[in-house]
Amino acid sequence: MKILQWNILYKEKIENIVKLLKEINPDVFCLQELSINSKFNPTIPNTPLYVAQQLGVNYYFERAFTKSDTSEMEAFGNGVFSKYPIVRKNSFFTQKPAPVQKSYSDEGRVYVETDIQIDKSVLTVATVHLSYVHRFMISEQKKEEVDNLIEGIKNKKENYIITGDLNATAESYAISKLSKYFIHCGPDFKDPTWTTKLFEYQGFREDKLRWRLDYVFATKDVKVISSEIIKTDYSDHLPILVTISI
């Protein structure tokens, strides 16, 4: 089965995201930066619902935060979408949102988990979008966020996959912690997923595709058949497509 990980960029037209998803046709896909009532998709107020309806799949979406300044959007979050039935849902904050969000570090971050029924087996698929820290460096707040995530998932022993935009490089604290409990599904850490568009924020400017920020990890019983990074002009992140058997 094919599992796709993708931060879709809240500014992207959601029709473009759906177009590529239809072309790739994954069995399960995990998306970050799904928006609610965004000025960038003014005719589609609920992007996770729209994606699910257009693809004809089941889904579970949770808000990471509701914005205190609604000039761009009301909220955004993460979702897991599946051709197969979703039989259980769970979520928790890795970082709770501040009452007023003045920077990316104030935003809430949420872990979203589903149990997916595949014939007689149940596969747990989860996704997360960790917070951005300047130039992807570690901070005490980011370390605490990673620790919150690990505490919530470290006891997963079988039939488990976690995907996400971790806003962390391959040498980071986040990847080191995840690698203690789970296997990396590929592609190679040296293969970049960000950025395909200009990024400028608090003195950091990047317009080259040279950072690896997106990942798929799994328990060791999950057999990885192949993995690849999909080239696209949609979003500032590139999707990761992993083919597995369970």
C-alpha atoms as a PDB file:
ATOM      1  CA  MET A   1       0.000   0.000   0.000  1.00  0.00           C
ATOM      2  CA  LYS A   2       1.072   3.566  -0.684  1.00  0.00           C
ATOM      3  CA  ILE A   3       1.339   6.187   2.071  1.00  0.00           C
ATOM      4  CA  LEU A   4       2.008   9.841   1.312  1.00  0.00           C
ATOM      5  CA  GLN A   5       3.324  12.590   3.599  1.00  0.00           C
ATOM      6  CA  TRP A   6       2.885  16.246   2.571  1.00  0.00           C
ATOM      7  CA  ASN A   7       2.871  19.707   4.102  1.00  0.00           C
ATOM      8  CA  ILE A   8       0.563  21.354   1.582  1.00  0.00           C
ATOM      9  CA  LEU A   9       1.257  25.038   2.500  1.00  0.00           C
ATOM     10  CA  TYR A  10      -1.820  26.899   3.673  1.00  0.00           C
ATOM     11  CA  LYS A  11      -1.319  29.522   0.936  1.00  0.00           C
ATOM     12  CA  GLU A  12      -1.568  26.923  -1.852  1.00  0.00           C
ATOM     13  CA  LYS A  13      -4.790  26.579  -3.813  1.00  0.00           C
ATOM     14  CA  ILE A  14      -6.381  23.437  -2.473  1.00  0.00           C
ATOM     15  CA  GLU A  15      -7.511  22.450  -5.989  1.00  0.00           C
ATOM     16  CA  ASN A  16      -3.819  22.040  -6.896  1.00  0.00           C
ATOM     17  CA  ILE A  17      -3.261  19.749  -3.930  1.00  0.00           C
ATOM     18  CA  VAL A  18      -6.242  17.612  -4.922  1.00  0.00           C
ATOM     19  CA  LYS A  19      -5.009  17.445  -8.520  1.00  0.00           C
ATOM     20  CA  LEU A  20      -1.659  15.954  -7.517  1.00  0.00           C
ATOM     21  CA  LEU A  21      -3.221  13.606  -4.979  1.00  0.00           C
ATOM     22  CA  LYS A  22      -5.471  12.217  -7.680  1.00  0.00           C
ATOM     23  CA  GLU A  23      -2.451  11.656  -9.919  1.00  0.00           C
ATOM     24  CA  ILE A  24      -0.433   9.869  -7.217  1.00  0.00           C
ATOM     25  CA  ASN A  25      -3.461   7.987  -5.870  1.00  0.00           C
ATOM     26  CA  PRO A  26      -2.119   6.985  -2.423  1.00  0.00           C
ATOM     27  CA  ASP A  27      -4.050   4.591  -0.226  1.00  0.00           C
ATOM     28  CA  VAL A  28      -3.407   6.735   2.847  1.00  0.00           C
ATOM     29  CA  PHE A  29      -2.126  10.284   2.971  1.00  0.00           C
ATOM     30  CA  CYS A  30      -1.168  12.642   5.761  1.00  0.00           C
ATOM     31  CA  LEU A  31      -1.412  16.396   5.259  1.00  0.00           C
ATOM     32  CA  GLN A  32      -0.302  19.371   7.322  1.00  0.00           C
ATOM     33  CA  GLU A  33      -1.414  23.019   7.073  1.00  0.00           C
ATOM     34  CA  LEU A  34      -4.982  22.219   6.152  1.00  0.00           C
ATOM     35  CA  SER A  35      -6.935  25.422   6.678  1.00  0.00           C
ATOM     36  CA  ILE A  36     -10.343  26.559   7.855  1.00  0.00           C
ATOM     37  CA  ASN A  37     -11.825  29.794   6.471  1.00  0.00           C
ATOM     38  CA  SER A  38      -8.627  30.934   4.769  1.00  0.00           C
ATOM     39  CA  LYS A  39      -8.362  33.974   2.510  1.00  0.00           C
ATOM     40  CA  PHE A  40      -6.167  31.877   0.216  1.00  0.00           C
ATOM     41  CA  ASN A  41      -9.057  29.486  -0.519  1.00  0.00           C
ATOM     42  CA  PRO A  42     -12.017  31.835  -0.156  1.00  0.00           C
ATOM     43  CA  THR A  43     -14.553  29.600  -1.903  1.00  0.00           C
ATOM     44  CA  ILE A  44     -13.521  26.471   0.031  1.00  0.00           C
ATOM     45  CA  PRO A  45     -13.862  27.253   3.737  1.00  0.00           C
ATOM     46  CA  ASN A  46     -13.132  23.724   4.959  1.00  0.00           C
ATOM     47  CA  THR A  47     -10.123  22.328   3.076  1.00  0.00           C
ATOM     48  CA  PRO A  48      -9.917  18.929   4.842  1.00  0.00           C
ATOM     49  CA  LEU A  49     -13.562  18.223   4.069  1.00  0.00           C
ATOM     50  CA  TYR A  50     -13.041  19.325   0.466  1.00  0.00           C
ATOM     51  CA  VAL A  51     -10.026  17.010   0.035  1.00  0.00           C
ATOM     52  CA  ALA A  52     -11.935  14.057   1.477  1.00  0.00           C
ATOM     53  CA  GLN A  53     -14.955  14.676  -0.733  1.00  0.00           C
ATOM     54  CA  GLN A  54     -12.895  15.144  -3.890  1.00  0.00           C
ATOM     55  CA  LEU A  55     -10.905  11.959  -3.287  1.00  0.00           C
ATOM     56  CA  GLY A  56     -13.796   9.949  -1.872  1.00  0.00           C
ATOM     57  CA  VAL A  57     -11.881   8.928   1.251  1.00  0.00           C
ATOM     58  CA  ASN A  58     -12.347   8.766   5.004  1.00  0.00           C
ATOM     59  CA  TYR A  59     -10.517  11.309   7.126  1.00  0.00           C
ATOM     60  CA  TYR A  60      -9.708  12.640  10.560  1.00  0.00           C
ATOM     61  CA  PHE A  61      -8.715  16.284  10.999  1.00  0.00           C
ATOM     62  CA  GLU A  62      -7.776  18.224  14.117  1.00  0.00           C
ATOM     63  CA  ARG A  63      -7.012  21.899  14.496  1.00  0.00           C
ATOM     64  CA  ALA A  64      -3.545  22.742  15.736  1.00  0.00           C
ATOM     65  CA  PHE A  65      -4.795  26.167  16.722  1.00  0.00           C
ATOM     66  CA  THR A  66      -7.420  28.795  16.093  1.00  0.00           C
ATOM     67  CA  LYS A  67      -5.736  32.059  15.192  1.00  0.00           C
ATOM     68  CA  SER A  68      -6.112  35.111  17.390  1.00  0.00           C
ATOM     69  CA  ASP A  69      -5.644  37.217  14.234  1.00  0.00           C
ATOM     70  CA  THR A  70      -8.106  35.883  11.643  1.00  0.00           C
ATOM     71  CA  SER A  71      -7.015  38.138   8.770  1.00  0.00           C
ATOM     72  CA  GLU A  72      -5.437  35.164   6.928  1.00  0.00           C
ATOM     73  CA  MET A  73      -7.468  32.242   8.264  1.00  0.00           C
ATOM     74  CA  GLU A  74      -9.493  31.008  11.188  1.00  0.00           C
ATOM     75  CA  ALA A  75      -7.434  27.883  11.900  1.00  0.00           C
ATOM     76  CA  PHE A  76      -5.151  25.215  10.495  1.00  0.00           C
ATOM     77  CA  GLY A  77      -4.173  21.683  11.423  1.00  0.00           C
ATOM     78  CA  ASN A  78      -3.335  18.143  10.343  1.00  0.00           C
ATOM     79  CA  GLY A  79      -5.293  15.326   8.789  1.00  0.00           C
ATOM     80  CA  VAL A  80      -5.045  11.628   7.979  1.00  0.00           C
ATOM     81  CA  PHE A  81      -7.002  10.468   4.910  1.00  0.00           C
ATOM     82  CA  SER A  82      -7.657   6.840   4.006  1.00  0.00           C
ATOM     83  CA  LYS A  83      -9.341   4.726   1.362  1.00  0.00           C
ATOM     84  CA  TYR A  84      -9.863   2.188   4.143  1.00  0.00           C
ATOM     85  CA  PRO A  85     -12.174   2.557   7.157  1.00  0.00           C
ATOM     86  CA  ILE A  86     -10.870   4.577  10.091  1.00  0.00           C
ATOM     87  CA  VAL A  87     -11.899   2.669  13.211  1.00  0.00           C
ATOM     88  CA  ARG A  88     -10.275   4.791  15.929  1.00  0.00           C
ATOM     89  CA  LYS A  89      -9.142   8.408  16.271  1.00  0.00           C
ATOM     90  CA  ASN A  90      -6.898  10.133  18.790  1.00  0.00           C
ATOM     91  CA  SER A  91      -4.972  13.377  19.136  1.00  0.00           C
ATOM     92  CA  PHE A  92      -2.945  15.434  21.584  1.00  0.00           C
ATOM     93  CA  PHE A  93      -1.076  18.726  21.585  1.00  0.00           C
ATOM     94  CA  THR A  94       2.690  18.521  21.329  1.00  0.00           C
ATOM     95  CA  GLN A  95       2.599  22.263  21.969  1.00  0.00           C
ATOM     96  CA  LYS A  96      -0.449  24.137  23.198  1.00  0.00           C
ATOM     97  CA  PRO A  97      -1.278  27.402  21.401  1.00  0.00           C
ATOM     98  CA  ALA A  98      -0.632  30.686  23.141  1.00  0.00           C
ATOM     99  CA  PRO A  99      -3.722  32.877  23.676  1.00  0.00           C
ATOM    100  CA  VAL A 100      -2.210  35.375  21.232  1.00  0.00           C
ATOM    101  CA  GLN A 101       0.070  34.108  18.469  1.00  0.00           C
ATOM    102  CA  LYS A 102       2.777  36.676  17.745  1.00  0.00           C
ATOM    103  CA  SER A 103       5.176  34.263  16.043  1.00  0.00           C
ATOM    104  CA  TYR A 104       5.403  30.696  14.751  1.00  0.00           C
ATOM    105  CA  SER A 105       6.662  29.634  18.188  1.00  0.00           C
ATOM    106  CA  ASP A 106       3.316  30.641  19.730  1.00  0.00           C
ATOM    107  CA  GLU A 107       1.227  28.410  17.481  1.00  0.00           C
ATOM    108  CA  GLY A 108      -0.306  25.177  18.683  1.00  0.00           C
ATOM    109  CA  ARG A 109       0.973  21.894  17.282  1.00  0.00           C
ATOM    110  CA  VAL A 110      -1.099  18.733  17.226  1.00  0.00           C
ATOM    111  CA  TYR A 111      -0.440  15.017  16.822  1.00  0.00           C
ATOM    112  CA  VAL A 112      -3.215  13.178  14.951  1.00  0.00           C
ATOM    113  CA  GLU A 113      -3.571   9.381  15.079  1.00  0.00           C
ATOM    114  CA  THR A 114      -5.870   6.893  13.351  1.00  0.00           C
ATOM    115  CA  ASP A 115      -6.383   3.149  13.368  1.00  0.00           C
ATOM    116  CA  ILE A 116      -7.092   1.997   9.827  1.00  0.00           C
ATOM    117  CA  GLN A 117      -8.783  -1.328   9.118  1.00  0.00           C
ATOM    118  CA  ILE A 118      -7.079  -3.110   6.215  1.00  0.00           C
ATOM    119  CA  ASP A 119      -8.739  -6.478   5.657  1.00  0.00           C
ATOM    120  CA  LYS A 120      -8.078  -8.335   8.931  1.00  0.00           C
ATOM    121  CA  SER A 121      -5.220  -6.078  10.026  1.00  0.00           C
ATOM    122  CA  VAL A 122      -5.211  -2.707  11.772  1.00  0.00           C
ATOM    123  CA  LEU A 123      -2.518  -0.180  10.851  1.00  0.00           C
ATOM    124  CA  THR A 124      -2.021   2.872  13.039  1.00  0.00           C
ATOM    125  CA  VAL A 125      -1.117   5.935  10.969  1.00  0.00           C
ATOM    126  CA  ALA A 126      -0.266   9.202  12.666  1.00  0.00           C
ATOM    127  CA  THR A 127       0.970  12.603  11.602  1.00  0.00           C
ATOM    128  CA  VAL A 128       2.411  15.698  13.248  1.00  0.00           C
ATOM    129  CA  HIS A 129       3.640  19.159  12.319  1.00  0.00           C
ATOM    130  CA  LEU A 130       6.260  20.376  14.776  1.00  0.00           C
ATOM    131  CA  SER A 131       6.949  24.048  15.349  1.00  0.00           C
ATOM    132  CA  TYR A 132       9.391  26.194  13.418  1.00  0.00           C
ATOM    133  CA  VAL A 133      12.441  27.551  15.239  1.00  0.00           C
ATOM    134  CA  HIS A 134      14.822  30.034  13.608  1.00  0.00           C
ATOM    135  CA  ARG A 135      16.940  28.212  11.000  1.00  0.00           C
ATOM    136  CA  PHE A 136      15.640  24.907  12.420  1.00  0.00           C
ATOM    137  CA  MET A 137      17.867  25.121  15.477  1.00  0.00           C
ATOM    138  CA  ILE A 138      16.944  23.472  18.751  1.00  0.00           C
ATOM    139  CA  SER A 139      15.478  25.515  21.594  1.00  0.00           C
ATOM    140  CA  GLU A 140      14.258  24.531  25.038  1.00  0.00           C
ATOM    141  CA  GLN A 141      10.683  25.009  23.851  1.00  0.00           C
ATOM    142  CA  LYS A 142      11.241  22.830  20.769  1.00  0.00           C
ATOM    143  CA  LYS A 143      13.020  20.197  22.860  1.00  0.00           C
ATOM    144  CA  GLU A 144      10.035  20.074  25.197  1.00  0.00           C
ATOM    145  CA  GLU A 145       7.716  19.728  22.209  1.00  0.00           C
ATOM    146  CA  VAL A 146       9.722  16.798  20.842  1.00  0.00           C
ATOM    147  CA  ASP A 147       9.750  15.177  24.280  1.00  0.00           C
ATOM    148  CA  ASN A 148       5.961  15.552  24.468  1.00  0.00           C
ATOM    149  CA  LEU A 149       5.647  13.777  21.135  1.00  0.00           C
ATOM    150  CA  ILE A 150       7.997  10.947  22.098  1.00  0.00           C
ATOM    151  CA  GLU A 151       6.261  10.412  25.418  1.00  0.00           C
ATOM    152  CA  GLY A 152       2.975   9.952  23.573  1.00  0.00           C
ATOM    153  CA  ILE A 153       4.235   7.419  21.023  1.00  0.00           C
ATOM    154  CA  LYS A 154       7.273   5.605  22.451  1.00  0.00           C
ATOM    155  CA  ASN A 155       5.238   2.539  23.427  1.00  0.00           C
ATOM    156  CA  LYS A 156       4.053   1.858  19.889  1.00  0.00           C
ATOM    157  CA  LYS A 157       5.522  -1.551  19.062  1.00  0.00           C
ATOM    158  CA  GLU A 158       3.834  -2.810  15.901  1.00  0.00           C
ATOM    159  CA  ASN A 159       1.832  -1.819  12.815  1.00  0.00           C
ATOM    160  CA  TYR A 160       2.576   1.862  13.372  1.00  0.00           C
ATOM    161  CA  ILE A 161       3.616   4.675  11.032  1.00  0.00           C
ATOM    162  CA  ILE A 162       4.207   8.317  11.866  1.00  0.00           C
ATOM    163  CA  THR A 163       4.711  10.989   9.222  1.00  0.00           C
ATOM    164  CA  GLY A 164       5.223  14.695   9.443  1.00  0.00           C
ATOM    165  CA  ASP A 165       6.846  17.998   8.787  1.00  0.00           C
ATOM    166  CA  LEU A 166       9.123  18.060  11.797  1.00  0.00           C
ATOM    167  CA  ASN A 167      10.830  21.369  10.994  1.00  0.00           C
ATOM    168  CA  ALA A 168      14.024  19.554  11.919  1.00  0.00           C
ATOM    169  CA  THR A 169      17.107  18.442  10.025  1.00  0.00           C
ATOM    170  CA  ALA A 170      18.412  14.891   9.915  1.00  0.00           C
ATOM    171  CA  GLU A 171      21.061  15.688  12.568  1.00  0.00           C
ATOM    172  CA  SER A 172      18.536  17.225  14.944  1.00  0.00           C
ATOM    173  CA  TYR A 173      17.354  16.290  18.414  1.00  0.00           C
ATOM    174  CA  ALA A 174      13.952  15.353  16.988  1.00  0.00           C
ATOM    175  CA  ILE A 175      15.305  12.824  14.501  1.00  0.00           C
ATOM    176  CA  SER A 176      17.721  11.393  17.059  1.00  0.00           C
ATOM    177  CA  LYS A 177      14.865  10.765  19.494  1.00  0.00           C
ATOM    178  CA  LEU A 178      12.547   9.237  16.880  1.00  0.00           C
ATOM    179  CA  SER A 179      15.322   6.975  15.610  1.00  0.00           C
ATOM    180  CA  LYS A 180      15.663   5.392  19.064  1.00  0.00           C
ATOM    181  CA  TYR A 181      12.164   3.939  18.782  1.00  0.00           C
ATOM    182  CA  PHE A 182      11.353   3.667  15.081  1.00  0.00           C
ATOM    183  CA  ILE A 183      12.926   2.948  11.702  1.00  0.00           C
ATOM    184  CA  HIS A 184      13.289   5.641   9.063  1.00  0.00           C
ATOM    185  CA  CYS A 185      11.337   4.659   5.951  1.00  0.00           C
ATOM    186  CA  GLY A 186      13.382   6.777   3.527  1.00  0.00           C
ATOM    187  CA  PRO A 187      14.383   8.217   1.208  1.00  0.00           C
ATOM    188  CA  ASP A 188      17.943   8.997   2.298  1.00  0.00           C
ATOM    189  CA  PHE A 189      18.308  11.827   4.792  1.00  0.00           C
ATOM    190  CA  LYS A 190      20.411  13.784   2.289  1.00  0.00           C
ATOM    191  CA  ASP A 191      17.456  14.129  -0.085  1.00  0.00           C
ATOM    192  CA  PRO A 192      15.795  17.530   0.492  1.00  0.00           C
ATOM    193  CA  THR A 193      12.076  18.265   0.773  1.00  0.00           C
ATOM    194  CA  TRP A 194      12.142  22.049   1.387  1.00  0.00           C
ATOM    195  CA  THR A 195      11.906  24.701  -0.053  1.00  0.00           C
ATOM    196  CA  THR A 196      10.554  25.154  -3.565  1.00  0.00           C
ATOM    197  CA  LYS A 197       9.434  28.737  -2.832  1.00  0.00           C
ATOM    198  CA  LEU A 198      10.990  31.796  -1.268  1.00  0.00           C
ATOM    199  CA  PHE A 199      10.881  31.788   2.526  1.00  0.00           C
ATOM    200  CA  GLU A 200      11.652  34.941   4.503  1.00  0.00           C
ATOM    201  CA  TYR A 201      11.091  35.226   8.240  1.00  0.00           C
ATOM    202  CA  GLN A 202      12.887  37.127  10.997  1.00  0.00           C
ATOM    203  CA  GLY A 203      16.071  37.551   8.992  1.00  0.00           C
ATOM    204  CA  PHE A 204      16.240  34.012   7.597  1.00  0.00           C
ATOM    205  CA  ARG A 205      15.924  33.858   3.817  1.00  0.00           C
ATOM    206  CA  GLU A 206      15.881  30.652   1.763  1.00  0.00           C
ATOM    207  CA  ASP A 207      14.939  29.997  -1.853  1.00  0.00           C
ATOM    208  CA  LYS A 208      16.802  26.749  -2.557  1.00  0.00           C
ATOM    209  CA  LEU A 209      15.699  23.136  -2.230  1.00  0.00           C
ATOM    210  CA  ARG A 210      18.352  21.978   0.244  1.00  0.00           C
ATOM    211  CA  TRP A 211      16.684  21.171   3.562  1.00  0.00           C
ATOM    212  CA  ARG A 212      15.232  17.848   4.727  1.00  0.00           C
ATOM    213  CA  LEU A 213      12.311  18.601   7.044  1.00  0.00           C
ATOM    214  CA  ASP A 214       9.732  15.903   6.196  1.00  0.00           C
ATOM    215  CA  TYR A 215       9.899  12.275   7.321  1.00  0.00           C
ATOM    216  CA  VAL A 216       8.172   8.908   7.600  1.00  0.00           C
ATOM    217  CA  PHE A 217       9.024   6.552  10.471  1.00  0.00           C
ATOM    218  CA  ALA A 218       7.567   3.151  11.379  1.00  0.00           C
ATOM    219  CA  THR A 219       7.864   0.238  13.759  1.00  0.00           C
ATOM    220  CA  LYS A 220      10.333  -2.405  12.621  1.00  0.00           C
ATOM    221  CA  ASP A 221       7.624  -4.899  11.630  1.00  0.00           C
ATOM    222  CA  VAL A 222       6.442  -2.612   8.811  1.00  0.00           C
ATOM    223  CA  LYS A 223       8.163  -3.713   5.585  1.00  0.00           C
ATOM    224  CA  VAL A 224       9.230  -0.764   3.429  1.00  0.00           C
ATOM    225  CA  ILE A 225       9.218  -1.720  -0.243  1.00  0.00           C
ATOM    226  CA  SER A 226      10.175   1.664  -1.708  1.00  0.00           C
ATOM    227  CA  SER A 227      10.264   5.374  -0.962  1.00  0.00           C
ATOM    228  CA  GLU A 228      10.585   8.484  -3.075  1.00  0.00           C
ATOM    229  CA  ILE A 229      10.270  12.244  -2.993  1.00  0.00           C
ATOM    230  CA  ILE A 230       7.739  13.549  -5.502  1.00  0.00           C
ATOM    231  CA  LYS A 231       8.664  16.589  -7.559  1.00  0.00           C
ATOM    232  CA  THR A 232       5.979  19.276  -7.750  1.00  0.00           C
ATOM    233  CA  ASP A 233       5.593  23.050  -7.906  1.00  0.00           C
ATOM    234  CA  TYR A 234       2.642  22.918  -5.521  1.00  0.00           C
ATOM    235  CA  SER A 235       3.409  23.841  -1.897  1.00  0.00           C
ATOM    236  CA  ASP A 236       6.837  24.766  -0.561  1.00  0.00           C
ATOM    237  CA  HIS A 237       7.419  21.183   0.625  1.00  0.00           C
ATOM    238  CA  LEU A 238       7.810  18.112  -1.550  1.00  0.00           C
ATOM    239  CA  PRO A 239       5.684  15.042  -0.751  1.00  0.00           C
ATOM    240  CA  ILE A 240       7.192  11.746   0.352  1.00  0.00           C
ATOM    241  CA  LEU A 241       5.623   8.561  -0.996  1.00  0.00           C
ATOM    242  CA  VAL A 242       6.346   5.293   0.812  1.00  0.00           C
ATOM    243  CA  THR A 243       5.174   1.866  -0.333  1.00  0.00           C
ATOM    244  CA  ILE A 244       4.843  -0.693   2.455  1.00  0.00           C
ATOM    245  CA  SER A 245       3.472  -4.111   3.274  1.00  0.00           C
ATOM    246  CA  ILE A 246       2.161  -5.197   6.672  1.00  0.00           C
END
